[in-house]
Amino acid sequence: MTHKGHPGHRDWDDETTWAKERLLEPALVPVTEALLDAVRIRPGERLLDLACGLGQTAAAATARGADALGIDLSRNRTAAARERFPGTRFEAADASTPPAGPWDAVVCRFGAHHLPEGWAQAIHAVLASGGRLAIAEWPPKDERDEQNGMRPAGHWQTKLGETGYQEVRVDRVPTRLAGPARQDPEIKEKLTDFGPGLEDRECLIISAWKR
């Protein structure tokens, strides 16, 4: 999900972009699983997936027995996610005005740098006492990444700590392109839009909890 007004905003609702994202999904399974591990999701718990995109993370939470809801600004994306994963709920909504809690866990895979100011406070308000938050983000490799909103681990640690989250920690998870994304030079080149050097790049998992 991209928040309108962010300098990295572009149209994320075209079929070409969706096709690229689906090609990336196998490489991002370890990231998705690390996010769910970080929030220690258990069967029956309520989980909110911010910037859910085409739904993979929320669906993975459902597969673990969670009562998961994915939200995204894009109605086209949430409609596509519902079609792909009919066993999981998806809604068009803004992270700065999230669905009412309390939520046991909140996750966001590669969308936090697009979210509007105030999202961390808004999520803190709807988390249950003892609720957990985890986000996955690419660390910036160059100026272009920084212009697109990507930030180093220290930025996220400070942001969440100042918002009132407890025990903010950072873990790193490697990603690796596979299948057609690795074999087809044209596809691989196009996929660099989602992170230069993705085939040998680690992502950050930043997690914390609410007292």
N, C-alpha and C. Protein backbone atom coordinates (compact mmCIF):
# COMPACT_ATOMS: atom_id res chain seq x y z
N MET A 1 0.85 -1.19 0.00
CA MET A 1 0.00 0.00 0.00
C MET A 1 0.88 1.24 0.00
N THR A 2 0.47 2.24 -0.75
CA THR A 2 1.20 3.49 -0.80
C THR A 2 0.29 4.62 -0.35
N HIS A 3 0.75 5.40 0.61
CA HIS A 3 -0.03 6.54 1.08
C HIS A 3 0.11 7.68 0.09
N LYS A 4 -1.01 8.20 -0.39
CA LYS A 4 -0.96 9.29 -1.34
C LYS A 4 -0.27 10.50 -0.71
N GLY A 5 0.64 11.06 -1.45
CA GLY A 5 1.38 12.20 -0.94
C GLY A 5 2.80 11.84 -0.58
N HIS A 6 3.07 10.54 -0.43
CA HIS A 6 4.44 10.10 -0.19
C HIS A 6 5.24 10.30 -1.46
N PRO A 7 6.53 10.73 -1.36
CA PRO A 7 7.32 10.97 -2.56
C PRO A 7 7.51 9.74 -3.42
N GLY A 8 7.35 8.55 -2.84
CA GLY A 8 7.51 7.33 -3.62
C GLY A 8 6.21 6.82 -4.20
N HIS A 9 5.14 7.62 -4.11
CA HIS A 9 3.83 7.14 -4.56
C HIS A 9 3.82 6.91 -6.07
N ARG A 10 3.19 5.82 -6.46
CA ARG A 10 2.91 5.57 -7.86
C ARG A 10 1.70 4.65 -7.93
N ASP A 11 1.26 4.35 -9.12
CA ASP A 11 0.07 3.52 -9.27
C ASP A 11 0.44 2.06 -9.02
N TRP A 12 -0.09 1.50 -7.94
CA TRP A 12 0.20 0.11 -7.58
C TRP A 12 -0.93 -0.82 -8.00
N ASP A 13 -1.90 -0.35 -8.77
CA ASP A 13 -3.08 -1.15 -9.05
C ASP A 13 -3.13 -1.72 -10.46
N ASP A 14 -2.04 -1.65 -11.20
CA ASP A 14 -2.07 -2.20 -12.55
C ASP A 14 -1.67 -3.67 -12.52
N GLU A 15 -2.14 -4.42 -13.52
CA GLU A 15 -1.91 -5.87 -13.56
C GLU A 15 -0.43 -6.21 -13.68
N THR A 16 0.34 -5.36 -14.36
CA THR A 16 1.77 -5.63 -14.50
C THR A 16 2.45 -5.63 -13.14
N THR A 17 2.12 -4.64 -12.31
CA THR A 17 2.71 -4.57 -10.98
C THR A 17 2.27 -5.76 -10.14
N TRP A 18 1.01 -6.13 -10.23
CA TRP A 18 0.53 -7.28 -9.47
C TRP A 18 1.28 -8.55 -9.88
N ALA A 19 1.52 -8.71 -11.18
CA ALA A 19 2.23 -9.90 -11.66
C ALA A 19 3.63 -9.95 -11.08
N LYS A 20 4.31 -8.80 -11.01
CA LYS A 20 5.64 -8.75 -10.41
C LYS A 20 5.59 -9.18 -8.95
N GLU A 21 4.60 -8.68 -8.24
CA GLU A 21 4.49 -9.00 -6.82
C GLU A 21 4.25 -10.49 -6.61
N ARG A 22 3.43 -11.08 -7.46
CA ARG A 22 3.17 -12.52 -7.31
C ARG A 22 4.44 -13.32 -7.58
N LEU A 23 5.27 -12.85 -8.50
CA LEU A 23 6.54 -13.53 -8.75
C LEU A 23 7.46 -13.45 -7.54
N LEU A 24 7.34 -12.37 -6.79
CA LEU A 24 8.18 -12.19 -5.61
C LEU A 24 7.74 -13.04 -4.43
N GLU A 25 6.50 -13.46 -4.41
CA GLU A 25 5.95 -14.09 -3.20
C GLU A 25 6.77 -15.27 -2.68
N PRO A 26 7.24 -16.19 -3.54
CA PRO A 26 8.02 -17.30 -2.99
C PRO A 26 9.28 -16.84 -2.25
N ALA A 27 9.91 -15.78 -2.75
CA ALA A 27 11.11 -15.26 -2.09
C ALA A 27 10.79 -14.63 -0.75
N LEU A 28 9.54 -14.18 -0.59
CA LEU A 28 9.17 -13.45 0.63
C LEU A 28 8.50 -14.32 1.67
N VAL A 29 8.32 -15.61 1.39
CA VAL A 29 7.73 -16.50 2.40
C VAL A 29 8.51 -16.46 3.72
N PRO A 30 9.86 -16.51 3.70
CA PRO A 30 10.58 -16.44 4.98
C PRO A 30 10.31 -15.14 5.74
N VAL A 31 10.10 -14.05 5.01
CA VAL A 31 9.80 -12.77 5.66
C VAL A 31 8.42 -12.84 6.32
N THR A 32 7.45 -13.36 5.58
CA THR A 32 6.10 -13.49 6.12
C THR A 32 6.09 -14.35 7.38
N GLU A 33 6.78 -15.48 7.32
CA GLU A 33 6.81 -16.37 8.48
C GLU A 33 7.54 -15.72 9.66
N ALA A 34 8.60 -14.95 9.36
CA ALA A 34 9.32 -14.26 10.43
C ALA A 34 8.45 -13.21 11.11
N LEU A 35 7.63 -12.52 10.32
CA LEU A 35 6.70 -11.54 10.89
C LEU A 35 5.73 -12.21 11.86
N LEU A 36 5.15 -13.31 11.43
CA LEU A 36 4.17 -14.00 12.27
C LEU A 36 4.84 -14.62 13.50
N ASP A 37 6.07 -15.09 13.33
CA ASP A 37 6.82 -15.58 14.49
C ASP A 37 7.10 -14.45 15.48
N ALA A 38 7.42 -13.28 14.95
CA ALA A 38 7.78 -12.14 15.80
C ALA A 38 6.62 -11.71 16.69
N VAL A 39 5.40 -11.83 16.18
CA VAL A 39 4.23 -11.46 17.00
C VAL A 39 3.66 -12.66 17.74
N ARG A 40 4.31 -13.82 17.59
CA ARG A 40 3.92 -15.03 18.31
C ARG A 40 2.42 -15.30 18.19
N ILE A 41 1.95 -15.25 16.96
CA ILE A 41 0.52 -15.41 16.72
C ILE A 41 0.06 -16.81 17.09
N ARG A 42 -1.09 -16.89 17.74
CA ARG A 42 -1.65 -18.17 18.18
C ARG A 42 -3.08 -18.32 17.64
N PRO A 43 -3.54 -19.56 17.52
CA PRO A 43 -4.90 -19.78 17.02
C PRO A 43 -5.94 -19.01 17.84
N GLY A 44 -6.85 -18.38 17.12
CA GLY A 44 -7.92 -17.64 17.77
C GLY A 44 -7.62 -16.19 18.04
N GLU A 45 -6.35 -15.79 17.96
CA GLU A 45 -6.00 -14.40 18.22
C GLU A 45 -6.38 -13.52 17.03
N ARG A 46 -6.66 -12.25 17.32
CA ARG A 46 -7.03 -11.28 16.29
C ARG A 46 -5.77 -10.62 15.75
N LEU A 47 -5.57 -10.69 14.44
CA LEU A 47 -4.39 -10.10 13.80
C LEU A 47 -4.83 -9.14 12.71
N LEU A 48 -4.21 -7.96 12.69
CA LEU A 48 -4.46 -6.95 11.67
C LEU A 48 -3.22 -6.81 10.80
N ASP A 49 -3.40 -6.94 9.49
CA ASP A 49 -2.30 -6.82 8.53
C ASP A 49 -2.44 -5.49 7.80
N LEU A 50 -1.50 -4.58 8.03
CA LEU A 50 -1.53 -3.25 7.42
C LEU A 50 -0.91 -3.30 6.03
N ALA A 51 -1.44 -2.50 5.11
CA ALA A 51 -0.92 -2.46 3.74
C ALA A 51 -0.84 -3.87 3.18
N CYS A 52 -1.96 -4.58 3.26
CA CYS A 52 -1.96 -6.03 3.01
C CYS A 52 -1.71 -6.39 1.55
N GLY A 53 -1.85 -5.44 0.63
CA GLY A 53 -1.59 -5.73 -0.76
C GLY A 53 -2.48 -6.85 -1.29
N LEU A 54 -1.87 -7.87 -1.88
CA LEU A 54 -2.62 -8.96 -2.48
C LEU A 54 -2.92 -10.09 -1.50
N GLY A 55 -2.61 -9.88 -0.21
CA GLY A 55 -3.16 -10.74 0.83
C GLY A 55 -2.33 -11.86 1.38
N GLN A 56 -1.08 -12.04 0.93
CA GLN A 56 -0.32 -13.22 1.32
C GLN A 56 -0.09 -13.31 2.82
N THR A 57 0.23 -12.19 3.47
CA THR A 57 0.56 -12.24 4.90
C THR A 57 -0.67 -12.54 5.74
N ALA A 58 -1.78 -11.86 5.47
CA ALA A 58 -3.00 -12.13 6.22
C ALA A 58 -3.45 -13.57 6.03
N ALA A 59 -3.33 -14.09 4.82
CA ALA A 59 -3.72 -15.48 4.56
C ALA A 59 -2.82 -16.45 5.31
N ALA A 60 -1.53 -16.13 5.41
CA ALA A 60 -0.61 -16.99 6.17
C ALA A 60 -0.98 -16.99 7.65
N ALA A 61 -1.44 -15.85 8.16
CA ALA A 61 -1.89 -15.79 9.55
C ALA A 61 -3.15 -16.64 9.75
N THR A 62 -4.07 -16.57 8.78
CA THR A 62 -5.27 -17.41 8.84
C THR A 62 -4.89 -18.88 8.87
N ALA A 63 -3.89 -19.26 8.08
CA ALA A 63 -3.44 -20.65 8.04
C ALA A 63 -2.90 -21.11 9.38
N ARG A 64 -2.44 -20.17 10.20
CA ARG A 64 -1.97 -20.51 11.55
C ARG A 64 -3.10 -20.48 12.57
N GLY A 65 -4.30 -20.23 12.12
CA GLY A 65 -5.45 -20.25 13.02
C GLY A 65 -5.87 -18.91 13.55
N ALA A 66 -5.23 -17.83 13.10
CA ALA A 66 -5.58 -16.49 13.58
C ALA A 66 -6.88 -16.01 12.94
N ASP A 67 -7.54 -15.09 13.62
CA ASP A 67 -8.68 -14.36 13.05
C ASP A 67 -8.08 -13.11 12.42
N ALA A 68 -7.73 -13.21 11.14
CA ALA A 68 -6.93 -12.17 10.47
C ALA A 68 -7.79 -11.26 9.61
N LEU A 69 -7.42 -9.99 9.61
CA LEU A 69 -8.03 -8.99 8.73
C LEU A 69 -6.92 -8.22 8.04
N GLY A 70 -6.95 -8.17 6.72
CA GLY A 70 -5.99 -7.37 5.96
C GLY A 70 -6.63 -6.08 5.50
N ILE A 71 -5.92 -4.95 5.69
CA ILE A 71 -6.45 -3.67 5.21
C ILE A 71 -5.45 -3.02 4.27
N ASP A 72 -5.97 -2.27 3.32
CA ASP A 72 -5.15 -1.58 2.33
C ASP A 72 -5.96 -0.39 1.81
N LEU A 73 -5.29 0.66 1.43
CA LEU A 73 -5.98 1.81 0.84
C LEU A 73 -6.67 1.45 -0.47
N SER A 74 -6.10 0.50 -1.19
CA SER A 74 -6.59 0.17 -2.53
C SER A 74 -7.76 -0.81 -2.48
N ARG A 75 -8.92 -0.36 -2.96
CA ARG A 75 -10.07 -1.26 -3.05
C ARG A 75 -9.83 -2.36 -4.09
N ASN A 76 -9.08 -2.05 -5.14
CA ASN A 76 -8.78 -3.06 -6.15
C ASN A 76 -7.94 -4.18 -5.54
N ARG A 77 -6.98 -3.80 -4.72
CA ARG A 77 -6.12 -4.81 -4.10
C ARG A 77 -6.89 -5.67 -3.11
N THR A 78 -7.70 -5.04 -2.27
CA THR A 78 -8.43 -5.85 -1.30
C THR A 78 -9.44 -6.76 -1.98
N ALA A 79 -10.01 -6.30 -3.10
CA ALA A 79 -10.92 -7.17 -3.86
C ALA A 79 -10.16 -8.36 -4.43
N ALA A 80 -8.95 -8.10 -4.96
CA ALA A 80 -8.13 -9.19 -5.50
C ALA A 80 -7.72 -10.15 -4.40
N ALA A 81 -7.39 -9.61 -3.22
CA ALA A 81 -6.99 -10.46 -2.10
C ALA A 81 -8.14 -11.36 -1.66
N ARG A 82 -9.37 -10.82 -1.62
CA ARG A 82 -10.53 -11.64 -1.25
C ARG A 82 -10.74 -12.78 -2.24
N GLU A 83 -10.51 -12.48 -3.52
CA GLU A 83 -10.67 -13.52 -4.55
C GLU A 83 -9.61 -14.60 -4.41
N ARG A 84 -8.38 -14.18 -4.09
CA ARG A 84 -7.28 -15.14 -3.95
C ARG A 84 -7.42 -15.99 -2.69
N PHE A 85 -7.85 -15.34 -1.60
CA PHE A 85 -7.88 -16.01 -0.29
C PHE A 85 -9.26 -15.83 0.35
N PRO A 86 -10.25 -16.59 -0.12
CA PRO A 86 -11.63 -16.39 0.37
C PRO A 86 -11.82 -16.71 1.84
N GLY A 87 -10.87 -17.40 2.45
CA GLY A 87 -10.99 -17.73 3.87
C GLY A 87 -10.48 -16.65 4.80
N THR A 88 -10.03 -15.52 4.24
CA THR A 88 -9.48 -14.42 5.04
C THR A 88 -10.25 -13.14 4.72
N ARG A 89 -10.43 -12.29 5.71
CA ARG A 89 -11.16 -11.03 5.51
C ARG A 89 -10.22 -9.93 5.05
N PHE A 90 -10.70 -9.09 4.14
CA PHE A 90 -9.94 -7.94 3.64
C PHE A 90 -10.87 -6.75 3.51
N GLU A 91 -10.37 -5.56 3.87
CA GLU A 91 -11.15 -4.34 3.77
C GLU A 91 -10.27 -3.20 3.27
N ALA A 92 -10.88 -2.27 2.55
CA ALA A 92 -10.18 -1.04 2.18
C ALA A 92 -10.26 -0.09 3.38
N ALA A 93 -9.11 0.26 3.93
CA ALA A 93 -9.07 1.11 5.12
C ALA A 93 -7.70 1.75 5.22
N ASP A 94 -7.62 2.83 6.00
CA ASP A 94 -6.40 3.60 6.21
C ASP A 94 -5.79 3.22 7.55
N ALA A 95 -4.49 2.98 7.58
CA ALA A 95 -3.82 2.58 8.82
C ALA A 95 -3.86 3.67 9.89
N SER A 96 -4.07 4.92 9.48
CA SER A 96 -4.14 5.99 10.48
C SER A 96 -5.49 6.02 11.19
N THR A 97 -6.48 5.32 10.65
CA THR A 97 -7.78 5.15 11.30
C THR A 97 -8.15 3.67 11.22
N PRO A 98 -7.41 2.83 11.94
CA PRO A 98 -7.57 1.38 11.80
C PRO A 98 -8.89 0.88 12.36
N PRO A 99 -9.31 -0.30 11.93
CA PRO A 99 -10.51 -0.92 12.50
C PRO A 99 -10.37 -1.06 14.02
N ALA A 100 -11.49 -0.95 14.71
CA ALA A 100 -11.49 -0.98 16.17
C ALA A 100 -10.89 -2.28 16.70
N GLY A 101 -10.13 -2.13 17.76
CA GLY A 101 -9.54 -3.28 18.43
C GLY A 101 -10.43 -3.81 19.52
N PRO A 102 -9.85 -4.51 20.49
CA PRO A 102 -8.39 -4.67 20.59
C PRO A 102 -7.87 -5.77 19.66
N TRP A 103 -6.67 -5.51 19.10
CA TRP A 103 -5.98 -6.48 18.27
C TRP A 103 -4.86 -7.11 19.08
N ASP A 104 -4.74 -8.43 18.97
CA ASP A 104 -3.66 -9.12 19.67
C ASP A 104 -2.32 -8.93 18.97
N ALA A 105 -2.36 -8.74 17.67
CA ALA A 105 -1.14 -8.58 16.89
C ALA A 105 -1.42 -7.74 15.65
N VAL A 106 -0.42 -6.96 15.26
CA VAL A 106 -0.49 -6.15 14.04
C VAL A 106 0.82 -6.35 13.28
N VAL A 107 0.73 -6.58 11.98
CA VAL A 107 1.92 -6.76 11.16
C VAL A 107 1.83 -5.88 9.92
N CYS A 108 2.97 -5.61 9.31
CA CYS A 108 3.01 -4.83 8.08
C CYS A 108 4.25 -5.26 7.30
N ARG A 109 4.05 -5.84 6.11
CA ARG A 109 5.17 -6.32 5.31
C ARG A 109 5.48 -5.33 4.19
N PHE A 110 6.56 -4.58 4.37
CA PHE A 110 7.08 -3.64 3.37
C PHE A 110 6.11 -2.51 3.05
N GLY A 111 5.34 -2.08 4.02
CA GLY A 111 4.43 -0.97 3.78
C GLY A 111 4.57 0.17 4.76
N ALA A 112 5.30 -0.03 5.85
CA ALA A 112 5.34 1.00 6.90
C ALA A 112 5.91 2.31 6.40
N HIS A 113 6.88 2.26 5.48
CA HIS A 113 7.48 3.50 5.00
C HIS A 113 6.53 4.28 4.09
N HIS A 114 5.42 3.66 3.70
CA HIS A 114 4.39 4.36 2.92
C HIS A 114 3.24 4.88 3.78
N LEU A 115 3.16 4.45 5.02
CA LEU A 115 1.99 4.78 5.84
C LEU A 115 2.01 6.25 6.27
N PRO A 116 0.83 6.82 6.50
CA PRO A 116 0.75 8.23 6.88
C PRO A 116 1.32 8.48 8.27
N GLU A 117 1.74 9.71 8.51
CA GLU A 117 2.20 10.09 9.85
C GLU A 117 1.11 9.77 10.87
N GLY A 118 1.54 9.29 12.00
CA GLY A 118 0.58 8.98 13.05
C GLY A 118 0.10 7.55 13.07
N TRP A 119 0.54 6.74 12.10
CA TRP A 119 0.05 5.36 12.06
C TRP A 119 0.48 4.58 13.29
N ALA A 120 1.72 4.80 13.76
CA ALA A 120 2.22 4.02 14.90
C ALA A 120 1.41 4.32 16.16
N GLN A 121 1.04 5.60 16.35
CA GLN A 121 0.21 5.96 17.50
C GLN A 121 -1.19 5.35 17.36
N ALA A 122 -1.74 5.41 16.14
CA ALA A 122 -3.08 4.87 15.92
C ALA A 122 -3.14 3.36 16.18
N ILE A 123 -2.09 2.66 15.76
CA ILE A 123 -2.05 1.22 15.99
C ILE A 123 -1.85 0.91 17.47
N HIS A 124 -1.00 1.70 18.14
CA HIS A 124 -0.78 1.50 19.57
C HIS A 124 -2.11 1.60 20.32
N ALA A 125 -2.96 2.51 19.87
CA ALA A 125 -4.24 2.73 20.55
C ALA A 125 -5.20 1.55 20.42
N VAL A 126 -5.09 0.79 19.34
CA VAL A 126 -6.02 -0.33 19.14
C VAL A 126 -5.42 -1.68 19.49
N LEU A 127 -4.14 -1.70 19.87
CA LEU A 127 -3.52 -2.95 20.33
C LEU A 127 -4.03 -3.29 21.72
N ALA A 128 -4.24 -4.57 21.98
CA ALA A 128 -4.57 -5.03 23.32
C ALA A 128 -3.36 -4.85 24.23
N SER A 129 -3.59 -4.78 25.52
CA SER A 129 -2.48 -4.78 26.47
C SER A 129 -1.70 -6.08 26.29
N GLY A 130 -0.40 -5.96 26.07
CA GLY A 130 0.41 -7.13 25.75
C GLY A 130 0.41 -7.47 24.28
N GLY A 131 -0.31 -6.69 23.46
CA GLY A 131 -0.35 -6.93 22.02
C GLY A 131 0.99 -6.67 21.36
N ARG A 132 1.22 -7.32 20.23
CA ARG A 132 2.52 -7.26 19.56
C ARG A 132 2.42 -6.63 18.17
N LEU A 133 3.45 -5.89 17.82
CA LEU A 133 3.57 -5.27 16.49
C LEU A 133 4.86 -5.75 15.85
N ALA A 134 4.80 -6.06 14.56
CA ALA A 134 6.02 -6.39 13.81
C ALA A 134 5.89 -5.84 12.39
N ILE A 135 6.95 -5.20 11.91
CA ILE A 135 6.98 -4.69 10.55
C ILE A 135 8.23 -5.23 9.84
N ALA A 136 8.10 -5.44 8.55
CA ALA A 136 9.24 -5.83 7.72
C ALA A 136 9.57 -4.65 6.80
N GLU A 137 10.83 -4.29 6.75
CA GLU A 137 11.26 -3.16 5.92
C GLU A 137 12.62 -3.46 5.31
N TRP A 138 12.83 -2.94 4.09
CA TRP A 138 14.17 -2.99 3.50
C TRP A 138 15.01 -1.87 4.10
N PRO A 139 16.25 -2.14 4.49
CA PRO A 139 17.14 -1.03 4.85
C PRO A 139 17.57 -0.33 3.57
N PRO A 140 17.74 0.98 3.58
CA PRO A 140 18.13 1.68 2.35
C PRO A 140 19.54 1.30 1.92
N LYS A 141 19.71 1.10 0.61
CA LYS A 141 21.03 0.82 0.06
C LYS A 141 21.64 2.05 -0.60
N ASP A 142 20.79 3.01 -0.98
CA ASP A 142 21.30 4.18 -1.69
C ASP A 142 20.32 5.34 -1.51
N GLU A 143 20.65 6.45 -2.14
CA GLU A 143 19.83 7.65 -2.01
C GLU A 143 18.43 7.44 -2.57
N ARG A 144 18.32 6.67 -3.64
CA ARG A 144 17.00 6.41 -4.23
C ARG A 144 16.10 5.73 -3.21
N ASP A 145 16.64 4.74 -2.49
CA ASP A 145 15.85 4.06 -1.47
C ASP A 145 15.37 5.05 -0.41
N GLU A 146 16.26 5.94 0.01
CA GLU A 146 15.90 6.91 1.04
C GLU A 146 14.82 7.87 0.53
N GLN A 147 14.92 8.26 -0.73
CA GLN A 147 13.90 9.13 -1.32
C GLN A 147 12.54 8.44 -1.36
N ASN A 148 12.56 7.11 -1.47
CA ASN A 148 11.32 6.34 -1.50
C ASN A 148 10.82 5.98 -0.10
N GLY A 149 11.47 6.53 0.92
CA GLY A 149 10.97 6.38 2.28
C GLY A 149 11.60 5.29 3.11
N MET A 150 12.52 4.51 2.54
CA MET A 150 13.15 3.44 3.31
C MET A 150 14.09 4.04 4.35
N ARG A 151 14.14 3.42 5.52
CA ARG A 151 14.92 3.96 6.63
C ARG A 151 15.72 2.84 7.31
N PRO A 152 16.86 3.18 7.93
CA PRO A 152 17.65 2.18 8.63
C PRO A 152 16.96 1.70 9.90
N ALA A 153 17.49 0.65 10.48
CA ALA A 153 16.88 0.05 11.66
C ALA A 153 16.71 1.05 12.79
N GLY A 154 17.72 1.90 12.99
CA GLY A 154 17.66 2.86 14.09
C GLY A 154 16.47 3.79 14.01
N HIS A 155 16.07 4.15 12.79
CA HIS A 155 14.91 5.02 12.63
C HIS A 155 13.66 4.37 13.21
N TRP A 156 13.46 3.10 12.88
CA TRP A 156 12.26 2.40 13.34
C TRP A 156 12.31 2.15 14.84
N GLN A 157 13.49 1.85 15.36
CA GLN A 157 13.62 1.65 16.80
C GLN A 157 13.25 2.92 17.55
N THR A 158 13.74 4.05 17.07
CA THR A 158 13.44 5.33 17.72
C THR A 158 11.96 5.66 17.60
N LYS A 159 11.41 5.50 16.40
CA LYS A 159 10.00 5.85 16.16
C LYS A 159 9.08 5.06 17.07
N LEU A 160 9.29 3.75 17.13
CA LEU A 160 8.40 2.93 17.94
C LEU A 160 8.62 3.16 19.43
N GLY A 161 9.88 3.33 19.81
CA GLY A 161 10.18 3.59 21.22
C GLY A 161 9.55 4.87 21.71
N GLU A 162 9.63 5.93 20.90
CA GLU A 162 9.06 7.22 21.28
C GLU A 162 7.53 7.19 21.29
N THR A 163 6.95 6.23 20.59
CA THR A 163 5.49 6.12 20.54
C THR A 163 4.94 5.34 21.73
N GLY A 164 5.82 4.68 22.47
CA GLY A 164 5.38 3.97 23.66
C GLY A 164 5.45 2.46 23.58
N TYR A 165 5.97 1.94 22.46
CA TYR A 165 6.14 0.50 22.34
C TYR A 165 7.30 0.04 23.22
N GLN A 166 7.22 -1.18 23.70
CA GLN A 166 8.21 -1.73 24.62
C GLN A 166 9.15 -2.71 23.91
N GLU A 167 10.40 -2.75 24.37
CA GLU A 167 11.38 -3.75 23.95
C GLU A 167 11.46 -3.87 22.42
N VAL A 168 11.69 -2.75 21.78
CA VAL A 168 11.81 -2.76 20.31
C VAL A 168 13.08 -3.51 19.92
N ARG A 169 12.95 -4.49 19.07
CA ARG A 169 14.11 -5.26 18.64
C ARG A 169 14.14 -5.38 17.12
N VAL A 170 15.31 -5.66 16.59
CA VAL A 170 15.49 -5.79 15.15
C VAL A 170 16.13 -7.14 14.84
N ASP A 171 15.52 -7.87 13.93
CA ASP A 171 16.10 -9.10 13.41
C ASP A 171 16.26 -8.95 11.90
N ARG A 172 17.08 -9.79 11.31
CA ARG A 172 17.33 -9.72 9.88
C ARG A 172 17.03 -11.06 9.23
N VAL A 173 16.35 -10.99 8.09
CA VAL A 173 15.93 -12.20 7.38
C VAL A 173 16.41 -12.11 5.94
N PRO A 174 17.14 -13.11 5.45
CA PRO A 174 17.59 -13.06 4.05
C PRO A 174 16.45 -13.39 3.09
N THR A 175 16.50 -12.81 1.90
CA THR A 175 15.56 -13.14 0.83
C THR A 175 16.36 -13.63 -0.36
N ARG A 176 15.73 -14.47 -1.17
CA ARG A 176 16.44 -14.99 -2.34
C ARG A 176 15.43 -15.23 -3.45
N LEU A 177 15.69 -14.64 -4.60
CA LEU A 177 14.83 -14.87 -5.76
C LEU A 177 14.98 -16.31 -6.24
N ALA A 178 13.89 -16.86 -6.73
CA ALA A 178 13.92 -18.24 -7.20
C ALA A 178 13.01 -18.37 -8.42
N GLY A 179 13.08 -19.53 -9.06
CA GLY A 179 12.19 -19.83 -10.17
C GLY A 179 12.34 -18.83 -11.30
N PRO A 180 11.23 -18.41 -11.91
CA PRO A 180 11.29 -17.52 -13.08
C PRO A 180 11.94 -16.18 -12.77
N ALA A 181 11.82 -15.71 -11.54
CA ALA A 181 12.41 -14.42 -11.20
C ALA A 181 13.92 -14.47 -11.28
N ARG A 182 14.51 -15.63 -11.03
CA ARG A 182 15.96 -15.76 -11.14
C ARG A 182 16.39 -16.14 -12.55
N GLN A 183 15.58 -16.90 -13.26
CA GLN A 183 15.98 -17.44 -14.55
C GLN A 183 15.78 -16.48 -15.71
N ASP A 184 14.83 -15.58 -15.59
CA ASP A 184 14.51 -14.67 -16.69
C ASP A 184 15.13 -13.30 -16.41
N PRO A 185 16.16 -12.90 -17.18
CA PRO A 185 16.83 -11.62 -16.92
C PRO A 185 15.89 -10.43 -16.98
N GLU A 186 14.91 -10.47 -17.89
CA GLU A 186 13.99 -9.34 -18.02
C GLU A 186 13.11 -9.21 -16.77
N ILE A 187 12.59 -10.34 -16.30
CA ILE A 187 11.76 -10.31 -15.09
C ILE A 187 12.59 -9.86 -13.90
N LYS A 188 13.80 -10.39 -13.80
CA LYS A 188 14.66 -10.04 -12.68
C LYS A 188 14.95 -8.55 -12.67
N GLU A 189 15.19 -7.98 -13.86
CA GLU A 189 15.46 -6.55 -13.95
C GLU A 189 14.24 -5.75 -13.49
N LYS A 190 13.06 -6.15 -13.92
CA LYS A 190 11.84 -5.44 -13.52
C LYS A 190 11.61 -5.53 -12.02
N LEU A 191 11.96 -6.67 -11.44
CA LEU A 191 11.72 -6.86 -10.01
C LEU A 191 12.61 -5.99 -9.14
N THR A 192 13.65 -5.41 -9.71
CA THR A 192 14.49 -4.52 -8.91
C THR A 192 13.72 -3.30 -8.45
N ASP A 193 12.58 -3.01 -9.06
CA ASP A 193 11.73 -1.92 -8.58
C ASP A 193 11.32 -2.14 -7.13
N PHE A 194 11.29 -3.39 -6.70
CA PHE A 194 10.85 -3.71 -5.35
C PHE A 194 12.03 -3.85 -4.39
N GLY A 195 13.22 -3.55 -4.83
CA GLY A 195 14.38 -3.62 -3.95
C GLY A 195 15.61 -4.02 -4.72
N PRO A 196 16.52 -3.08 -5.02
CA PRO A 196 17.73 -3.40 -5.78
C PRO A 196 18.53 -4.49 -5.08
N GLY A 197 19.05 -5.44 -5.86
CA GLY A 197 19.87 -6.49 -5.28
C GLY A 197 19.08 -7.42 -4.38
N LEU A 198 17.80 -7.61 -4.67
CA LEU A 198 16.94 -8.39 -3.78
C LEU A 198 17.44 -9.82 -3.61
N GLU A 199 18.10 -10.34 -4.65
CA GLU A 199 18.52 -11.73 -4.57
C GLU A 199 19.53 -11.99 -3.47
N ASP A 200 20.20 -10.96 -2.98
CA ASP A 200 21.18 -11.17 -1.91
C ASP A 200 20.98 -10.14 -0.80
N ARG A 201 19.72 -9.78 -0.57
CA ARG A 201 19.44 -8.70 0.35
C ARG A 201 18.72 -9.19 1.60
N GLU A 202 19.12 -8.68 2.75
CA GLU A 202 18.42 -8.98 3.99
C GLU A 202 17.37 -7.91 4.26
N CYS A 203 16.26 -8.32 4.83
CA CYS A 203 15.27 -7.34 5.25
C CYS A 203 15.26 -7.27 6.77
N LEU A 204 14.72 -6.18 7.29
CA LEU A 204 14.63 -5.95 8.72
C LEU A 204 13.26 -6.40 9.23
N ILE A 205 13.25 -7.07 10.36
CA ILE A 205 12.01 -7.35 11.08
C ILE A 205 12.09 -6.57 12.39
N ILE A 206 11.27 -5.54 12.52
CA ILE A 206 11.27 -4.70 13.72
C ILE A 206 10.02 -5.06 14.52
N SER A 207 10.21 -5.47 15.76
CA SER A 207 9.08 -5.92 16.56
C SER A 207 9.09 -5.27 17.94
N ALA A 208 7.92 -5.19 18.54
CA ALA A 208 7.77 -4.57 19.86
C ALA A 208 6.41 -5.00 20.42
N TRP A 209 6.13 -4.56 21.65
CA TRP A 209 4.83 -4.89 22.23
C TRP A 209 4.31 -3.72 23.03
N LYS A 210 3.01 -3.77 23.35
CA LYS A 210 2.36 -2.71 24.11
C LYS A 210 2.18 -3.17 25.56
N ARG A 211 2.58 -2.31 26.48
CA ARG A 211 2.46 -2.65 27.89
C ARG A 211 0.98 -2.78 28.28
